[in-house]
């Protein structure tokens, strides 16, 4: 499930940027991009909770250390890319 939400986050972020650069309203796509990122993180956390319940320590030891860094990086990039049009618009208005 986290993979589906992750792909949706990438897609909605791309739509967000395309809408901004084409001059159309991008705020719904921006909210969808950040929301899909949050849902991907929740789905991954749910999967980890299932592994803990099942006491699948091998899966936890194998996946969690690498994915933790990846999730932090991808979340920061997603937030940055989704907020970029808003910040660019603010900068354009101030100039």
PDB file of N, CA and C in Angstrom:
ATOM      1  N   UNK A   1       0.818  -1.195   0.000  1.00  0.00           N
ATOM      2  CA  UNK A   1       0.000   0.000   0.000  1.00  0.00           C
ATOM      3  C   UNK A   1       0.864   1.263   0.000  1.00  0.00           C
ATOM      4  N   UNK A   2       1.987   1.204   0.741  1.00  0.00           N
ATOM      5  CA  UNK A   2       2.839   2.391   0.787  1.00  0.00           C
ATOM      6  C   UNK A   2       3.404   2.704  -0.595  1.00  0.00           C
ATOM      7  N   UNK A   3       3.644   1.655  -1.383  1.00  0.00           N
ATOM      8  CA  UNK A   3       4.156   1.871  -2.731  1.00  0.00           C
ATOM      9  C   UNK A   3       3.133   2.601  -3.598  1.00  0.00           C
ATOM     10  N   UNK A   4       1.872   2.223  -3.479  1.00  0.00           N
ATOM     11  CA  UNK A   4       0.804   2.886  -4.223  1.00  0.00           C
ATOM     12  C   UNK A   4       0.714   4.365  -3.842  1.00  0.00           C
ATOM     13  N   UNK A   5       0.701   4.637  -2.541  1.00  0.00           N
ATOM     14  CA  UNK A   5       0.638   6.034  -2.100  1.00  0.00           C
ATOM     15  C   UNK A   5       1.898   6.804  -2.497  1.00  0.00           C
ATOM     16  N   UNK A   6       3.048   6.137  -2.485  1.00  0.00           N
ATOM     17  CA  UNK A   6       4.285   6.788  -2.913  1.00  0.00           C
ATOM     18  C   UNK A   6       4.245   7.172  -4.382  1.00  0.00           C
ATOM     19  N   UNK A   7       3.737   6.269  -5.215  1.00  0.00           N
ATOM     20  CA  UNK A   7       3.610   6.569  -6.649  1.00  0.00           C
ATOM     21  C   UNK A   7       2.601   7.689  -6.865  1.00  0.00           C
ATOM     22  N   UNK A   8       1.487   7.653  -6.121  1.00  0.00           N
ATOM     23  CA  UNK A   8       0.502   8.741  -6.217  1.00  0.00           C
ATOM     24  C   UNK A   8       1.102  10.070  -5.774  1.00  0.00           C
ATOM     25  N   UNK A   9       1.954  10.043  -4.756  1.00  0.00           N
ATOM     26  CA  UNK A   9       2.611  11.268  -4.296  1.00  0.00           C
ATOM     27  C   UNK A   9       3.511  11.836  -5.389  1.00  0.00           C
ATOM     28  N   UNK A  10       4.263  10.968  -6.057  1.00  0.00           N
ATOM     29  CA  UNK A  10       5.106  11.425  -7.165  1.00  0.00           C
ATOM     30  C   UNK A  10       4.263  12.017  -8.296  1.00  0.00           C
ATOM     31  N   UNK A  11       3.182  11.337  -8.639  1.00  0.00           N
ATOM     32  CA  UNK A  11       2.318  11.782  -9.720  1.00  0.00           C
ATOM     33  C   UNK A  11       1.674  13.131  -9.388  1.00  0.00           C
ATOM     34  N   UNK A  12       1.106  13.256  -8.195  1.00  0.00           N
ATOM     35  CA  UNK A  12       0.430  14.509  -7.843  1.00  0.00           C
ATOM     36  C   UNK A  12       1.418  15.661  -7.695  1.00  0.00           C
ATOM     37  N   UNK A  13       2.644  15.365  -7.271  1.00  0.00           N
ATOM     38  CA  UNK A  13       3.662  16.409  -7.201  1.00  0.00           C
ATOM     39  C   UNK A  13       4.033  16.885  -8.599  1.00  0.00           C
ATOM     40  N   UNK A  14       4.153  15.941  -9.538  1.00  0.00           N
ATOM     41  CA  UNK A  14       4.436  16.320 -10.925  1.00  0.00           C
ATOM     42  C   UNK A  14       3.289  17.153 -11.495  1.00  0.00           C
ATOM     43  N   UNK A  15       2.061  16.771 -11.214  1.00  0.00           N
ATOM     44  CA  UNK A  15       0.899  17.537 -11.673  1.00  0.00           C
ATOM     45  C   UNK A  15       0.918  18.932 -11.050  1.00  0.00           C
ATOM     46  N   UNK A  16       1.258  19.011  -9.773  1.00  0.00           N
ATOM     47  CA  UNK A  16       1.357  20.289  -9.077  1.00  0.00           C
ATOM     48  C   UNK A  16       2.323  21.213  -9.799  1.00  0.00           C
ATOM     49  N   UNK A  17       3.509  20.718 -10.109  1.00  0.00           N
ATOM     50  CA  UNK A  17       4.508  21.550 -10.781  1.00  0.00           C
ATOM     51  C   UNK A  17       4.082  21.921 -12.192  1.00  0.00           C
ATOM     52  N   UNK A  18       3.481  20.979 -12.920  1.00  0.00           N
ATOM     53  CA  UNK A  18       3.013  21.279 -14.279  1.00  0.00           C
ATOM     54  C   UNK A  18       1.913  22.337 -14.260  1.00  0.00           C
ATOM     55  N   UNK A  19       0.987  22.233 -13.315  1.00  0.00           N
ATOM     56  CA  UNK A  19      -0.079  23.226 -13.221  1.00  0.00           C
ATOM     57  C   UNK A  19       0.485  24.606 -12.897  1.00  0.00           C
ATOM     58  N   UNK A  20       1.463  24.662 -12.000  1.00  0.00           N
ATOM     59  CA  UNK A  20       2.045  25.957 -11.655  1.00  0.00           C
ATOM     60  C   UNK A  20       2.718  26.591 -12.867  1.00  0.00           C
ATOM     61  N   UNK A  21       3.549  25.812 -13.568  1.00  0.00           N
ATOM     62  CA  UNK A  21       4.290  26.373 -14.695  1.00  0.00           C
ATOM     63  C   UNK A  21       3.392  26.691 -15.882  1.00  0.00           C
ATOM     64  N   UNK A  22       2.203  26.074 -15.948  1.00  0.00           N
ATOM     65  CA  UNK A  22       1.267  26.421 -17.021  1.00  0.00           C
ATOM     66  C   UNK A  22       0.339  27.568 -16.613  1.00  0.00           C
ATOM     67  N   UNK A  23       0.471  28.045 -15.373  1.00  0.00           N
ATOM     68  CA  UNK A  23      -0.295  29.196 -14.923  1.00  0.00           C
ATOM     69  C   UNK A  23      -1.681  28.873 -14.404  1.00  0.00           C
ATOM     70  N   UNK A  24      -1.962  27.614 -14.137  1.00  0.00           N
ATOM     71  CA  UNK A  24      -3.287  27.223 -13.636  1.00  0.00           C
ATOM     72  C   UNK A  24      -3.251  27.069 -12.115  1.00  0.00           C
ATOM     73  N   UNK A  25      -4.426  26.894 -11.527  1.00  0.00           N
ATOM     74  CA  UNK A  25      -4.520  26.734 -10.076  1.00  0.00           C
ATOM     75  C   UNK A  25      -3.927  25.379  -9.671  1.00  0.00           C
ATOM     76  N   UNK A  26      -2.945  25.418  -8.819  1.00  0.00           N
ATOM     77  CA  UNK A  26      -2.181  24.225  -8.455  1.00  0.00           C
ATOM     78  C   UNK A  26      -2.398  23.787  -7.009  1.00  0.00           C
ATOM     79  N   UNK A  27      -3.174  24.528  -6.255  1.00  0.00           N
ATOM     80  CA  UNK A  27      -3.242  24.295  -4.810  1.00  0.00           C
ATOM     81  C   UNK A  27      -3.874  22.962  -4.436  1.00  0.00           C
ATOM     82  N   UNK A  28      -4.846  22.477  -5.194  1.00  0.00           N
ATOM     83  CA  UNK A  28      -5.436  21.171  -4.907  1.00  0.00           C
ATOM     84  C   UNK A  28      -4.411  20.056  -5.141  1.00  0.00           C
ATOM     85  N   UNK A  29      -3.647  20.168  -6.225  1.00  0.00           N
ATOM     86  CA  UNK A  29      -2.611  19.174  -6.500  1.00  0.00           C
ATOM     87  C   UNK A  29      -1.518  19.219  -5.438  1.00  0.00           C
ATOM     88  N   UNK A  30      -1.220  20.415  -4.937  1.00  0.00           N
ATOM     89  CA  UNK A  30      -0.228  20.552  -3.876  1.00  0.00           C
ATOM     90  C   UNK A  30      -0.699  19.835  -2.620  1.00  0.00           C
ATOM     91  N   UNK A  31      -1.944  20.048  -2.247  1.00  0.00           N
ATOM     92  CA  UNK A  31      -2.498  19.380  -1.068  1.00  0.00           C
ATOM     93  C   UNK A  31      -2.551  17.871  -1.265  1.00  0.00           C
ATOM     94  N   UNK A  32      -2.875  17.435  -2.473  1.00  0.00           N
ATOM     95  CA  UNK A  32      -2.927  16.000  -2.759  1.00  0.00           C
ATOM     96  C   UNK A  32      -1.535  15.381  -2.678  1.00  0.00           C
ATOM     97  N   UNK A  33      -0.527  16.075  -3.151  1.00  0.00           N
ATOM     98  CA  UNK A  33       0.839  15.571  -3.099  1.00  0.00           C
ATOM     99  C   UNK A  33       1.336  15.383  -1.679  1.00  0.00           C
ATOM    100  N   UNK A  34       1.113  16.381  -0.843  1.00  0.00           N
ATOM    101  CA  UNK A  34       1.534  16.280   0.557  1.00  0.00           C
ATOM    102  C   UNK A  34       0.699  15.225   1.282  1.00  0.00           C
ATOM    103  N   UNK A  35      -0.587  15.140   0.959  1.00  0.00           N
ATOM    104  CA  UNK A  35      -1.455  14.143   1.595  1.00  0.00           C
ATOM    105  C   UNK A  35      -1.042  12.721   1.225  1.00  0.00           C
ATOM    106  N   UNK A  36      -0.715  12.499  -0.033  1.00  0.00           N
ATOM    107  CA  UNK A  36      -0.278  11.156  -0.451  1.00  0.00           C
ATOM    108  C   UNK A  36       1.051  10.791   0.198  1.00  0.00           C
ATOM    109  N   UNK A  37       1.907  11.768   0.397  1.00  0.00           N
ATOM    110  CA  UNK A  37       3.159  11.515   1.106  1.00  0.00           C
ATOM    111  C   UNK A  37       2.871  11.080   2.540  1.00  0.00           C
ATOM    112  N   UNK A  38       1.958  11.784   3.203  1.00  0.00           N
ATOM    113  CA  UNK A  38       1.597  11.421   4.572  1.00  0.00           C
ATOM    114  C   UNK A  38       0.957  10.033   4.627  1.00  0.00           C
ATOM    115  N   UNK A  39       0.112   9.722   3.658  1.00  0.00           N
ATOM    116  CA  UNK A  39      -0.515   8.397   3.625  1.00  0.00           C
ATOM    117  C   UNK A  39       0.505   7.295   3.368  1.00  0.00           C
ATOM    118  N   UNK A  40       1.507   7.562   2.546  1.00  0.00           N
ATOM    119  CA  UNK A  40       2.567   6.581   2.303  1.00  0.00           C
ATOM    120  C   UNK A  40       3.337   6.306   3.592  1.00  0.00           C
ATOM    121  N   UNK A  41       3.620   7.355   4.351  1.00  0.00           N
ATOM    122  CA  UNK A  41       4.327   7.180   5.624  1.00  0.00           C
ATOM    123  C   UNK A  41       3.470   6.404   6.617  1.00  0.00           C
ATOM    124  N   UNK A  42       2.186   6.694   6.663  1.00  0.00           N
ATOM    125  CA  UNK A  42       1.284   5.960   7.564  1.00  0.00           C
ATOM    126  C   UNK A  42       1.181   4.489   7.168  1.00  0.00           C
ATOM    127  N   UNK A  43       1.120   4.213   5.874  1.00  0.00           N
ATOM    128  CA  UNK A  43       1.034   2.829   5.408  1.00  0.00           C
ATOM    129  C   UNK A  43       2.309   2.061   5.748  1.00  0.00           C
ATOM    130  N   UNK A  44       3.454   2.700   5.603  1.00  0.00           N
ATOM    131  CA  UNK A  44       4.723   2.047   5.956  1.00  0.00           C
ATOM    132  C   UNK A  44       4.781   1.793   7.458  1.00  0.00           C
ATOM    133  N   UNK A  45       4.332   2.759   8.244  1.00  0.00           N
ATOM    134  CA  UNK A  45       4.305   2.584   9.696  1.00  0.00           C
ATOM    135  C   UNK A  45       3.372   1.447  10.086  1.00  0.00           C
ATOM    136  N   UNK A  46       2.262   1.307   9.391  1.00  0.00           N
ATOM    137  CA  UNK A  46       1.324   0.216   9.647  1.00  0.00           C
ATOM    138  C   UNK A  46       1.958  -1.130   9.327  1.00  0.00           C
ATOM    139  N   UNK A  47       2.692  -1.187   8.236  1.00  0.00           N
ATOM    140  CA  UNK A  47       3.377  -2.433   7.875  1.00  0.00           C
ATOM    141  C   UNK A  47       4.417  -2.808   8.929  1.00  0.00           C
ATOM    142  N   UNK A  48       5.139  -1.837   9.423  1.00  0.00           N
ATOM    143  CA  UNK A  48       6.125  -2.094  10.470  1.00  0.00           C
ATOM    144  C   UNK A  48       5.440  -2.569  11.744  1.00  0.00           C
ATOM    145  N   UNK A  49       4.290  -1.974  12.079  1.00  0.00           N
ATOM    146  CA  UNK A  49       3.534  -2.417  13.252  1.00  0.00           C
ATOM    147  C   UNK A  49       3.075  -3.866  13.101  1.00  0.00           C
ATOM    148  N   UNK A  50       2.687  -4.248  11.892  1.00  0.00           N
ATOM    149  CA  UNK A  50       2.303  -5.649  11.644  1.00  0.00           C
ATOM    150  C   UNK A  50       3.487  -6.585  11.837  1.00  0.00           C
ATOM    151  N   UNK A  51       4.670  -6.176  11.413  1.00  0.00           N
ATOM    152  CA  UNK A  51       5.855  -7.004  11.608  1.00  0.00           C
ATOM    153  C   UNK A  51       6.182  -7.153  13.092  1.00  0.00           C
ATOM    154  N   UNK A  52       5.976  -6.081  13.850  1.00  0.00           N
ATOM    155  CA  UNK A  52       6.232  -6.156  15.296  1.00  0.00           C
ATOM    156  C   UNK A  52       5.232  -7.111  15.940  1.00  0.00           C
ATOM    157  N   UNK A  53       3.964  -7.004  15.565  1.00  0.00           N
ATOM    158  CA  UNK A  53       2.941  -7.916  16.101  1.00  0.00           C
ATOM    159  C   UNK A  53       3.265  -9.375  15.790  1.00  0.00           C
ATOM    160  N   UNK A  54       3.748  -9.621  14.579  1.00  0.00           N
ATOM    161  CA  UNK A  54       4.084 -10.981  14.165  1.00  0.00           C
ATOM    162  C   UNK A  54       5.456 -11.405  14.678  1.00  0.00           C
ATOM    163  N   UNK A  55       6.137 -10.501  15.355  1.00  0.00           N
ATOM    164  CA  UNK A  55       7.493 -10.735  15.877  1.00  0.00           C
ATOM    165  C   UNK A  55       8.450 -11.170  14.771  1.00  0.00           C
ATOM    166  N   UNK A  56       8.323 -10.511  13.628  1.00  0.00           N
ATOM    167  CA  UNK A  56       9.192 -10.780  12.482  1.00  0.00           C
ATOM    168  C   UNK A  56      10.413  -9.865  12.586  1.00  0.00           C
ATOM    169  N   UNK A  57      11.292 -10.195  13.490  1.00  0.00           N
ATOM    170  CA  UNK A  57      12.445  -9.350  13.782  1.00  0.00           C
ATOM    171  C   UNK A  57      13.412  -9.293  12.605  1.00  0.00           C
ATOM    172  N   UNK A  58      13.479 -10.361  11.824  1.00  0.00           N
ATOM    173  CA  UNK A  58      14.371 -10.362  10.656  1.00  0.00           C
ATOM    174  C   UNK A  58      13.925  -9.313   9.633  1.00  0.00           C
ATOM    175  N   UNK A  59      12.623  -9.222   9.397  1.00  0.00           N
ATOM    176  CA  UNK A  59      12.111  -8.212   8.453  1.00  0.00           C
ATOM    177  C   UNK A  59      12.386  -6.809   8.971  1.00  0.00           C
ATOM    178  N   UNK A  60      12.181  -6.611  10.256  1.00  0.00           N
ATOM    179  CA  UNK A  60      12.437  -5.299  10.843  1.00  0.00           C
ATOM    180  C   UNK A  60      13.912  -4.929  10.739  1.00  0.00           C
ATOM    181  N   UNK A  61      14.786  -5.875  11.077  1.00  0.00           N
ATOM    182  CA  UNK A  61      16.218  -5.602  11.040  1.00  0.00           C
ATOM    183  C   UNK A  61      16.708  -5.372   9.614  1.00  0.00           C
ATOM    184  N   UNK A  62      16.056  -6.000   8.662  1.00  0.00           N
ATOM    185  CA  UNK A  62      16.479  -5.896   7.271  1.00  0.00           C
ATOM    186  C   UNK A  62      15.987  -4.611   6.611  1.00  0.00           C
ATOM    187  N   UNK A  63      14.755  -4.219   6.882  1.00  0.00           N
ATOM    188  CA  UNK A  63      14.116  -3.136   6.139  1.00  0.00           C
ATOM    189  C   UNK A  63      14.212  -1.781   6.834  1.00  0.00           C
ATOM    190  N   UNK A  64      13.980  -1.737   8.111  1.00  0.00           N
ATOM    191  CA  UNK A  64      13.814  -0.456   8.806  1.00  0.00           C
ATOM    192  C   UNK A  64      15.042   0.453   8.734  1.00  0.00           C
ATOM    193  N   UNK A  65      16.258  -0.031   8.971  1.00  0.00           N
ATOM    194  CA  UNK A  65      17.391   0.917   8.960  1.00  0.00           C
ATOM    195  C   UNK A  65      17.567   1.654   7.635  1.00  0.00           C
ATOM    196  N   UNK A  66      17.448   0.972   6.526  1.00  0.00           N
ATOM    197  CA  UNK A  66      17.602   1.641   5.230  1.00  0.00           C
ATOM    198  C   UNK A  66      16.408   2.483   4.852  1.00  0.00           C
ATOM    199  N   UNK A  67      15.220   1.984   5.126  1.00  0.00           N
ATOM    200  CA  UNK A  67      14.013   2.710   4.745  1.00  0.00           C
ATOM    201  C   UNK A  67      13.822   3.974   5.575  1.00  0.00           C
ATOM    202  N   UNK A  68      14.298   3.977   6.790  1.00  0.00           N
ATOM    203  CA  UNK A  68      14.132   5.158   7.637  1.00  0.00           C
ATOM    204  C   UNK A  68      14.803   6.363   6.993  1.00  0.00           C
ATOM    205  N   UNK A  69      16.036   6.177   6.533  1.00  0.00           N
ATOM    206  CA  UNK A  69      16.743   7.289   5.868  1.00  0.00           C
ATOM    207  C   UNK A  69      16.054   7.669   4.562  1.00  0.00           C
ATOM    208  N   UNK A  70      15.599   6.664   3.821  1.00  0.00           N
ATOM    209  CA  UNK A  70      14.918   6.942   2.552  1.00  0.00           C
ATOM    210  C   UNK A  70      13.621   7.716   2.777  1.00  0.00           C
ATOM    211  N   UNK A  71      12.834   7.324   3.770  1.00  0.00           N
ATOM    212  CA  UNK A  71      11.573   8.020   4.036  1.00  0.00           C
ATOM    213  C   UNK A  71      11.805   9.466   4.459  1.00  0.00           C
ATOM    214  N   UNK A  72      12.826   9.703   5.301  1.00  0.00           N
ATOM    215  CA  UNK A  72      13.138  11.073   5.697  1.00  0.00           C
ATOM    216  C   UNK A  72      13.486  11.907   4.465  1.00  0.00           C
ATOM    217  N   UNK A  73      14.384  11.379   3.631  1.00  0.00           N
ATOM    218  CA  UNK A  73      14.818  12.115   2.443  1.00  0.00           C
ATOM    219  C   UNK A  73      13.653  12.373   1.495  1.00  0.00           C
ATOM    220  N   UNK A  74      12.882  11.330   1.190  1.00  0.00           N
ATOM    221  CA  UNK A  74      11.774  11.485   0.245  1.00  0.00           C
ATOM    222  C   UNK A  74      10.680  12.402   0.773  1.00  0.00           C
ATOM    223  N   UNK A  75      10.439  12.377   2.075  1.00  0.00           N
ATOM    224  CA  UNK A  75       9.432  13.277   2.661  1.00  0.00           C
ATOM    225  C   UNK A  75       9.879  14.728   2.559  1.00  0.00           C
ATOM    226  N   UNK A  76      11.138  14.983   2.855  1.00  0.00           N
ATOM    227  CA  UNK A  76      11.655  16.356   2.754  1.00  0.00           C
ATOM    228  C   UNK A  76      11.607  16.839   1.306  1.00  0.00           C
ATOM    229  N   UNK A  77      11.984  15.987   0.366  1.00  0.00           N
ATOM    230  CA  UNK A  77      11.933  16.358  -1.057  1.00  0.00           C
ATOM    231  C   UNK A  77      10.488  16.609  -1.490  1.00  0.00           C
ATOM    232  N   UNK A  78       9.565  15.748  -1.062  1.00  0.00           N
ATOM    233  CA  UNK A  78       8.158  15.918  -1.424  1.00  0.00           C
ATOM    234  C   UNK A  78       7.592  17.228  -0.885  1.00  0.00           C
ATOM    235  N   UNK A  79       7.871  17.525   0.356  1.00  0.00           N
ATOM    236  CA  UNK A  79       7.386  18.785   0.930  1.00  0.00           C
ATOM    237  C   UNK A  79       7.993  19.967   0.187  1.00  0.00           C
ATOM    238  N   UNK A  80       9.295  19.891  -0.080  1.00  0.00           N
ATOM    239  CA  UNK A  80       9.955  20.978  -0.804  1.00  0.00           C
ATOM    240  C   UNK A  80       9.397  21.200  -2.195  1.00  0.00           C
ATOM    241  N   UNK A  81       9.201  20.112  -2.943  1.00  0.00           N
ATOM    242  CA  UNK A  81       8.677  20.239  -4.307  1.00  0.00           C
ATOM    243  C   UNK A  81       7.232  20.718  -4.320  1.00  0.00           C
ATOM    244  N   UNK A  82       6.441  20.272  -3.353  1.00  0.00           N
ATOM    245  CA  UNK A  82       5.047  20.694  -3.327  1.00  0.00           C
ATOM    246  C   UNK A  82       4.887  22.134  -2.865  1.00  0.00           C
ATOM    247  N   UNK A  83       5.807  22.610  -2.039  1.00  0.00           N
ATOM    248  CA  UNK A  83       5.726  24.000  -1.590  1.00  0.00           C
ATOM    249  C   UNK A  83       6.436  24.975  -2.521  1.00  0.00           C
ATOM    250  N   UNK A  84       7.269  24.474  -3.418  1.00  0.00           N
ATOM    251  CA  UNK A  84       8.033  25.342  -4.315  1.00  0.00           C
ATOM    252  C   UNK A  84       7.143  26.308  -5.103  1.00  0.00           C
ATOM    253  N   UNK A  85       6.041  25.861  -5.718  1.00  0.00           N
ATOM    254  CA  UNK A  85       5.204  26.827  -6.437  1.00  0.00           C
ATOM    255  C   UNK A  85       4.643  27.926  -5.535  1.00  0.00           C
ATOM    256  N   UNK A  86       4.282  27.565  -4.330  1.00  0.00           N
ATOM    257  CA  UNK A  86       3.756  28.552  -3.395  1.00  0.00           C
ATOM    258  C   UNK A  86       4.824  29.588  -3.052  1.00  0.00           C
ATOM    259  N   UNK A  87       6.035  29.116  -2.802  1.00  0.00           N
ATOM    260  CA  UNK A  87       7.132  30.031  -2.482  1.00  0.00           C
ATOM    261  C   UNK A  87       7.532  30.872  -3.686  1.00  0.00           C
ATOM    262  N   UNK A  88       7.530  30.276  -4.873  1.00  0.00           N
ATOM    263  CA  UNK A  88       7.850  31.038  -6.081  1.00  0.00           C
ATOM    264  C   UNK A  88       6.797  32.110  -6.352  1.00  0.00           C
ATOM    265  N   UNK A  89       5.540  31.773  -6.118  1.00  0.00           N
ATOM    266  CA  UNK A  89       4.472  32.750  -6.314  1.00  0.00           C
ATOM    267  C   UNK A  89       4.591  33.885  -5.304  1.00  0.00           C
ATOM    268  N   UNK A  90       4.916  33.553  -4.087  1.00  0.00           N
ATOM    269  CA  UNK A  90       5.103  34.575  -3.044  1.00  0.00           C
ATOM    270  C   UNK A  90       6.266  35.492  -3.401  1.00  0.00           C
ATOM    271  N   UNK A  91       7.336  34.906  -3.888  1.00  0.00           N
ATOM    272  CA  UNK A  91       8.503  35.695  -4.276  1.00  0.00           C
ATOM    273  C   UNK A  91       8.180  36.597  -5.449  1.00  0.00           C
ATOM    274  N   UNK A  92       7.379  36.100  -6.397  1.00  0.00           N
ATOM    275  CA  UNK A  92       7.000  36.896  -7.571  1.00  0.00           C
ATOM    276  C   UNK A  92       6.114  38.077  -7.144  1.00  0.00           C
ATOM    277  N   UNK A  93       5.225  37.854  -6.193  1.00  0.00           N
ATOM    278  CA  UNK A  93       4.338  38.907  -5.724  1.00  0.00           C
ATOM    279  C   UNK A  93       5.134  39.998  -5.003  1.00  0.00           C
ATOM    280  N   UNK A  94       6.132  39.598  -4.220  1.00  0.00           N
ATOM    281  CA  UNK A  94       6.941  40.562  -3.470  1.00  0.00           C
ATOM    282  C   UNK A  94       7.836  41.396  -4.357  1.00  0.00           C
ATOM    283  N   UNK A  95       8.176  40.881  -5.527  1.00  0.00           N
ATOM    284  CA  UNK A  95       9.108  41.619  -6.420  1.00  0.00           C
ATOM    285  C   UNK A  95       8.446  42.742  -7.153  1.00  0.00           C
TER     286      UNK A  95
END
